[in-house]
Amino acid sequence: MATYDFSGQVAFVTGAGTGIGVAAAEAFAEAGAAVAMVDVDGNVVEQAAGQLSDKGHHVLPLQCDVSVDGDVAAAVKQSRGSVASTWRSTMRES
């Protein structure tokens, strides 16, 4: 299996509340990325993000309907600021 290093990168994963989406989010996180976890169901994505956060991963749960342009734009804007700055400050501490 190929190994990837996403350190210093931010992954924006849609459908990240369940199934393959949460698996993709976890894979990116384990490869070093900060992950914006996006799902239409805010409660489900919060729960999934909590599980990854408990493992020490840097994640940001976001409720977003990807069929609504404004939702996507807002989620991208929020993730660019929050996830990236959290990741950078953590890297400075290590």
C-alpha atoms as a PDB file:
ATOM      1  CA  MET A   1       0.000   0.000   0.000  1.00  0.00           C
ATOM      2  CA  ALA A   2       1.313   3.449  -0.885  1.00  0.00           C
ATOM      3  CA  THR A   3       2.209   5.824   1.924  1.00  0.00           C
ATOM      4  CA  TYR A   4       1.575   9.537   1.562  1.00  0.00           C
ATOM      5  CA  ASP A   5       2.722  12.536   3.560  1.00  0.00           C
ATOM      6  CA  PHE A   6       0.149  15.323   3.726  1.00  0.00           C
ATOM      7  CA  SER A   7       1.917  17.240   6.488  1.00  0.00           C
ATOM      8  CA  GLY A   8       1.291  20.958   6.095  1.00  0.00           C
ATOM      9  CA  GLN A   9      -1.761  20.356   3.920  1.00  0.00           C
ATOM     10  CA  VAL A  10      -5.474  20.810   4.564  1.00  0.00           C
ATOM     11  CA  ALA A  11      -7.893  18.199   3.248  1.00  0.00           C
ATOM     12  CA  PHE A  12     -11.509  19.212   2.597  1.00  0.00           C
ATOM     13  CA  VAL A  13     -13.555  16.009   2.759  1.00  0.00           C
ATOM     14  CA  THR A  14     -17.239  15.997   1.867  1.00  0.00           C
ATOM     15  CA  GLY A  15     -19.609  13.337   3.148  1.00  0.00           C
ATOM     16  CA  ALA A  16     -17.262  13.002   6.114  1.00  0.00           C
ATOM     17  CA  GLY A  17     -19.922  12.078   8.655  1.00  0.00           C
ATOM     18  CA  THR A  18     -20.153   8.391   7.748  1.00  0.00           C
ATOM     19  CA  GLY A  19     -18.829   5.613   5.569  1.00  0.00           C
ATOM     20  CA  ILE A  20     -16.163   6.250   2.974  1.00  0.00           C
ATOM     21  CA  GLY A  21     -16.140   9.974   3.787  1.00  0.00           C
ATOM     22  CA  VAL A  22     -15.098   9.449   7.394  1.00  0.00           C
ATOM     23  CA  ALA A  23     -12.616   6.788   6.258  1.00  0.00           C
ATOM     24  CA  ALA A  24     -11.088   9.278   3.803  1.00  0.00           C
ATOM     25  CA  ALA A  25     -10.933  11.955   6.502  1.00  0.00           C
ATOM     26  CA  GLU A  26      -9.156   9.550   8.836  1.00  0.00           C
ATOM     27  CA  ALA A  27      -6.699   8.496   6.121  1.00  0.00           C
ATOM     28  CA  PHE A  28      -5.793  12.121   5.375  1.00  0.00           C
ATOM     29  CA  ALA A  29      -5.443  12.843   9.100  1.00  0.00           C
ATOM     30  CA  GLU A  30      -3.225   9.822   9.654  1.00  0.00           C
ATOM     31  CA  ALA A  31      -1.067  11.031   6.743  1.00  0.00           C
ATOM     32  CA  GLY A  32      -0.538  14.341   8.563  1.00  0.00           C
ATOM     33  CA  ALA A  33      -3.189  16.608   7.071  1.00  0.00           C
ATOM     34  CA  ALA A  34      -5.459  18.892   9.016  1.00  0.00           C
ATOM     35  CA  VAL A  35      -8.959  17.909   7.887  1.00  0.00           C
ATOM     36  CA  ALA A  36     -12.098  19.928   7.307  1.00  0.00           C
ATOM     37  CA  MET A  37     -14.835  17.315   7.711  1.00  0.00           C
ATOM     38  CA  VAL A  38     -17.940  18.408   5.817  1.00  0.00           C
ATOM     39  CA  ASP A  39     -21.390  16.806   5.898  1.00  0.00           C
ATOM     40  CA  VAL A  40     -24.989  17.881   5.476  1.00  0.00           C
ATOM     41  CA  ASP A  41     -25.790  16.370   8.890  1.00  0.00           C
ATOM     42  CA  GLY A  42     -24.101  18.552  11.485  1.00  0.00           C
ATOM     43  CA  ASN A  43     -24.660  16.155  14.382  1.00  0.00           C
ATOM     44  CA  VAL A  44     -23.184  13.189  12.552  1.00  0.00           C
ATOM     45  CA  VAL A  45     -20.095  15.073  11.381  1.00  0.00           C
ATOM     46  CA  GLU A  46     -19.542  16.484  14.889  1.00  0.00           C
ATOM     47  CA  GLN A  47     -19.583  12.956  16.284  1.00  0.00           C
ATOM     48  CA  ALA A  48     -17.215  11.603  13.616  1.00  0.00           C
ATOM     49  CA  ALA A  49     -14.847  14.540  14.088  1.00  0.00           C
ATOM     50  CA  GLY A  50     -14.862  13.965  17.833  1.00  0.00           C
ATOM     51  CA  GLN A  51     -13.693  10.396  17.320  1.00  0.00           C
ATOM     52  CA  LEU A  52     -10.782  11.538  15.137  1.00  0.00           C
ATOM     53  CA  SER A  53      -9.950  14.389  17.474  1.00  0.00           C
ATOM     54  CA  ASP A  54      -9.812  11.926  20.383  1.00  0.00           C
ATOM     55  CA  LYS A  55      -7.105  10.089  18.430  1.00  0.00           C
ATOM     56  CA  GLY A  56      -5.073  13.298  18.295  1.00  0.00           C
ATOM     57  CA  HIS A  57      -5.971  14.383  14.773  1.00  0.00           C
ATOM     58  CA  HIS A  58      -6.610  18.012  13.819  1.00  0.00           C
ATOM     59  CA  VAL A  59     -10.122  18.221  12.401  1.00  0.00           C
ATOM     60  CA  LEU A  60     -12.865  20.786  11.927  1.00  0.00           C
ATOM     61  CA  PRO A  61     -16.455  19.549  11.563  1.00  0.00           C
ATOM     62  CA  LEU A  62     -18.592  21.679   9.264  1.00  0.00           C
ATOM     63  CA  GLN A  63     -22.246  21.352   8.371  1.00  0.00           C
ATOM     64  CA  CYS A  64     -22.609  22.084   4.676  1.00  0.00           C
ATOM     65  CA  ASP A  65     -24.980  21.195   1.849  1.00  0.00           C
ATOM     66  CA  VAL A  66     -22.635  20.854  -1.125  1.00  0.00           C
ATOM     67  CA  SER A  67     -25.530  21.473  -3.521  1.00  0.00           C
ATOM     68  CA  VAL A  68     -25.730  25.079  -2.220  1.00  0.00           C
ATOM     69  CA  ASP A  69     -22.930  27.294  -3.562  1.00  0.00           C
ATOM     70  CA  GLY A  70     -23.091  29.672  -0.603  1.00  0.00           C
ATOM     71  CA  ASP A  71     -22.726  26.807   1.887  1.00  0.00           C
ATOM     72  CA  VAL A  72     -19.639  25.521   0.095  1.00  0.00           C
ATOM     73  CA  ALA A  73     -18.050  28.973  -0.125  1.00  0.00           C
ATOM     74  CA  ALA A  74     -18.650  29.563   3.591  1.00  0.00           C
ATOM     75  CA  ALA A  75     -17.267  26.142   4.543  1.00  0.00           C
ATOM     76  CA  VAL A  76     -14.136  26.646   2.457  1.00  0.00           C
ATOM     77  CA  LYS A  77     -13.583  30.079   3.955  1.00  0.00           C
ATOM     78  CA  GLN A  78     -14.039  28.787   7.488  1.00  0.00           C
ATOM     79  CA  SER A  79     -11.780  25.794   6.936  1.00  0.00           C
ATOM     80  CA  ARG A  80      -9.008  27.869   5.386  1.00  0.00           C
ATOM     81  CA  GLY A  81      -8.798  29.980   8.509  1.00  0.00           C
ATOM     82  CA  SER A  82      -9.572  27.591  11.316  1.00  0.00           C
ATOM     83  CA  VAL A  83      -8.024  24.279  10.319  1.00  0.00           C
ATOM     84  CA  ALA A  84      -4.886  25.752   8.793  1.00  0.00           C
ATOM     85  CA  SER A  85      -4.157  28.048  11.728  1.00  0.00           C
ATOM     86  CA  THR A  86      -4.755  25.256  14.251  1.00  0.00           C
ATOM     87  CA  TRP A  87      -2.413  22.963  12.352  1.00  0.00           C
ATOM     88  CA  ARG A  88       0.299  25.608  12.030  1.00  0.00           C
ATOM     89  CA  SER A  89       0.236  26.473  15.738  1.00  0.00           C
ATOM     90  CA  THR A  90       0.449  22.783  16.653  1.00  0.00           C
ATOM     91  CA  MET A  91       3.432  22.295  14.361  1.00  0.00           C
ATOM     92  CA  ARG A  92       5.238  25.206  16.025  1.00  0.00           C
ATOM     93  CA  GLU A  93       4.743  23.545  19.424  1.00  0.00           C
ATOM     94  CA  SER A  94       6.270  20.229  18.347  1.00  0.00           C
END
